[in-house]
Amino acid sequence: MRIVGLDVSRSVAEIAYLEDGVLRAGGRAGLRRDELERFAAQLGPDDHVVLEATGNTAAIVNVLRAHVGQVIVANPLQVRLIAEARVKTAGVTTSADRTATHPLEERSPCSARRASD
């Protein structure tokens, strides 16, 4: 299993991969539908994607969920608290890294939408 963490902003997502205990930066993916589809095509059914709930989370989840085994939407407040409590030892700390150290509750795209309303 590979964990793919997305740190989502308005127009791009920073990507990090956690596989076999090794964290590596994965660059950026644009958030337009065609860009997300191109990124999603590189993912597989054994991948688990983790991202924070934001205004465009539901649209991102709708594109990614057909390509991966699981999409986990993390509560931004919990992620922030975990990040603040953790000593950062690497230059990259993303949702994938945080999830590996503290699994968060899984949410469906519907509950993510309700949370952001």
Protein backbone atom coordinates (compact mmCIF):
# COMPACT_ATOMS: atom_id res chain seq x y z
CA MET A 1 0.00 0.00 0.00
CA ARG A 2 1.17 3.49 -0.83
CA ILE A 3 -0.19 6.59 0.89
CA VAL A 4 -0.49 9.66 -1.30
CA GLY A 5 -0.85 12.94 0.59
CA LEU A 6 -2.26 16.02 -1.09
CA ASP A 7 -1.76 19.48 0.40
CA VAL A 8 -4.48 21.32 -1.51
CA SER A 9 -4.50 25.04 -2.29
CA ARG A 10 -6.81 26.92 -4.68
CA SER A 11 -5.28 25.78 -7.95
CA VAL A 12 -2.62 23.13 -7.17
CA ALA A 13 -1.93 20.28 -4.81
CA GLU A 14 1.51 19.48 -3.42
CA ILE A 15 1.99 15.72 -3.53
CA ALA A 16 3.91 13.44 -1.17
CA TYR A 17 4.22 9.67 -1.28
CA LEU A 18 4.74 7.40 1.71
CA GLU A 19 5.73 3.89 0.71
CA ASP A 20 7.55 1.25 2.73
CA GLY A 21 8.23 3.84 5.44
CA VAL A 22 9.94 6.22 3.00
CA LEU A 23 8.49 9.69 2.44
CA ARG A 24 9.26 11.43 -0.83
CA ALA A 25 8.05 14.60 -2.49
CA GLY A 26 5.94 14.09 -5.58
CA GLY A 27 5.75 17.55 -7.09
CA ARG A 28 2.51 19.32 -7.90
CA ALA A 29 -0.73 18.55 -9.67
CA GLY A 30 -3.11 21.17 -11.01
CA LEU A 31 -6.69 21.03 -9.79
CA ARG A 32 -8.51 21.52 -13.08
CA ARG A 33 -10.43 18.36 -13.97
CA ASP A 34 -8.12 17.46 -16.88
CA GLU A 35 -5.04 17.92 -14.66
CA LEU A 36 -6.56 15.80 -11.88
CA GLU A 37 -7.47 13.08 -14.38
CA ARG A 38 -3.87 13.04 -15.63
CA PHE A 39 -2.57 12.74 -12.05
CA ALA A 40 -5.18 10.10 -11.13
CA ALA A 41 -4.15 7.96 -14.11
CA GLN A 42 -0.77 7.49 -12.38
CA LEU A 43 -2.43 6.05 -9.26
CA GLY A 44 -3.53 2.49 -8.65
CA PRO A 45 -6.06 0.46 -6.66
CA ASP A 46 -3.53 -0.15 -3.85
CA ASP A 47 -3.02 3.59 -3.32
CA HIS A 48 -4.73 5.47 -0.50
CA VAL A 49 -5.09 9.22 -0.96
CA VAL A 50 -5.30 11.60 2.00
CA LEU A 51 -6.28 15.27 1.78
CA GLU A 52 -7.64 17.93 4.08
CA ALA A 53 -11.24 19.05 3.75
CA THR A 54 -11.33 22.30 1.76
CA GLY A 55 -13.85 24.07 -0.43
CA ASN A 56 -13.00 21.96 -3.48
CA THR A 57 -12.54 18.60 -1.73
CA ALA A 58 -15.70 16.98 -3.10
CA ALA A 59 -14.68 17.69 -6.71
CA ILE A 60 -11.18 16.29 -6.10
CA VAL A 61 -12.56 13.17 -4.40
CA ASN A 62 -15.00 12.58 -7.27
CA VAL A 63 -12.11 12.40 -9.75
CA LEU A 64 -9.69 10.38 -7.61
CA ARG A 65 -11.96 7.74 -6.07
CA ALA A 66 -12.36 5.81 -9.35
CA HIS A 67 -8.58 5.31 -9.53
CA VAL A 68 -7.54 4.43 -5.97
CA GLY A 69 -8.43 1.99 -3.22
CA GLN A 70 -9.43 4.67 -0.73
CA VAL A 71 -9.73 8.44 -0.41
CA ILE A 72 -9.54 9.81 3.12
CA VAL A 73 -10.66 13.35 3.87
CA ALA A 74 -9.04 14.65 7.04
CA ASN A 75 -10.48 17.23 9.40
CA PRO A 76 -8.23 20.32 8.97
CA LEU A 77 -8.38 21.17 12.67
CA GLN A 78 -7.14 17.71 13.65
CA VAL A 79 -4.37 17.84 11.05
CA ARG A 80 -3.26 21.28 12.27
CA LEU A 81 -3.15 20.11 15.89
CA ILE A 82 -1.16 17.01 14.94
CA ALA A 83 1.27 19.07 12.87
CA GLU A 84 1.81 21.58 15.70
CA ALA A 85 2.37 18.82 18.25
CA ARG A 86 4.91 16.98 16.11
CA VAL A 87 8.57 17.86 15.80
CA LYS A 88 9.30 18.21 12.10
CA THR A 89 12.40 16.29 11.13
CA ALA A 90 12.12 16.54 7.35
CA GLY A 91 11.54 19.38 4.94
CA VAL A 92 8.25 17.89 3.77
CA THR A 93 5.35 17.29 6.14
CA THR A 94 2.08 16.55 4.37
CA SER A 95 -1.18 14.78 4.92
CA ALA A 96 0.48 11.44 4.05
CA ASP A 97 3.11 11.93 6.74
CA ARG A 98 0.54 13.01 9.32
CA THR A 99 -1.74 10.09 8.53
CA ALA A 100 1.11 7.62 8.89
CA THR A 101 1.81 8.89 12.40
CA HIS A 102 -1.82 9.40 13.45
CA PRO A 103 -4.60 7.84 11.38
CA LEU A 104 -7.61 10.08 11.01
CA GLU A 105 -11.26 9.27 10.63
CA GLU A 106 -12.38 8.43 7.11
CA ARG A 107 -15.09 10.63 5.64
CA SER A 108 -17.20 10.20 2.57
CA PRO A 109 -17.37 12.98 -0.04
CA CYS A 110 -20.90 13.74 1.21
CA SER A 111 -19.76 14.36 4.79
CA ALA A 112 -16.85 16.44 3.49
CA ARG A 113 -19.33 18.56 1.58
CA ARG A 114 -21.52 19.02 4.65
CA ALA A 115 -18.49 19.94 6.76
CA SER A 116 -17.49 22.71 4.35
CA ASP A 117 -20.99 24.19 3.96
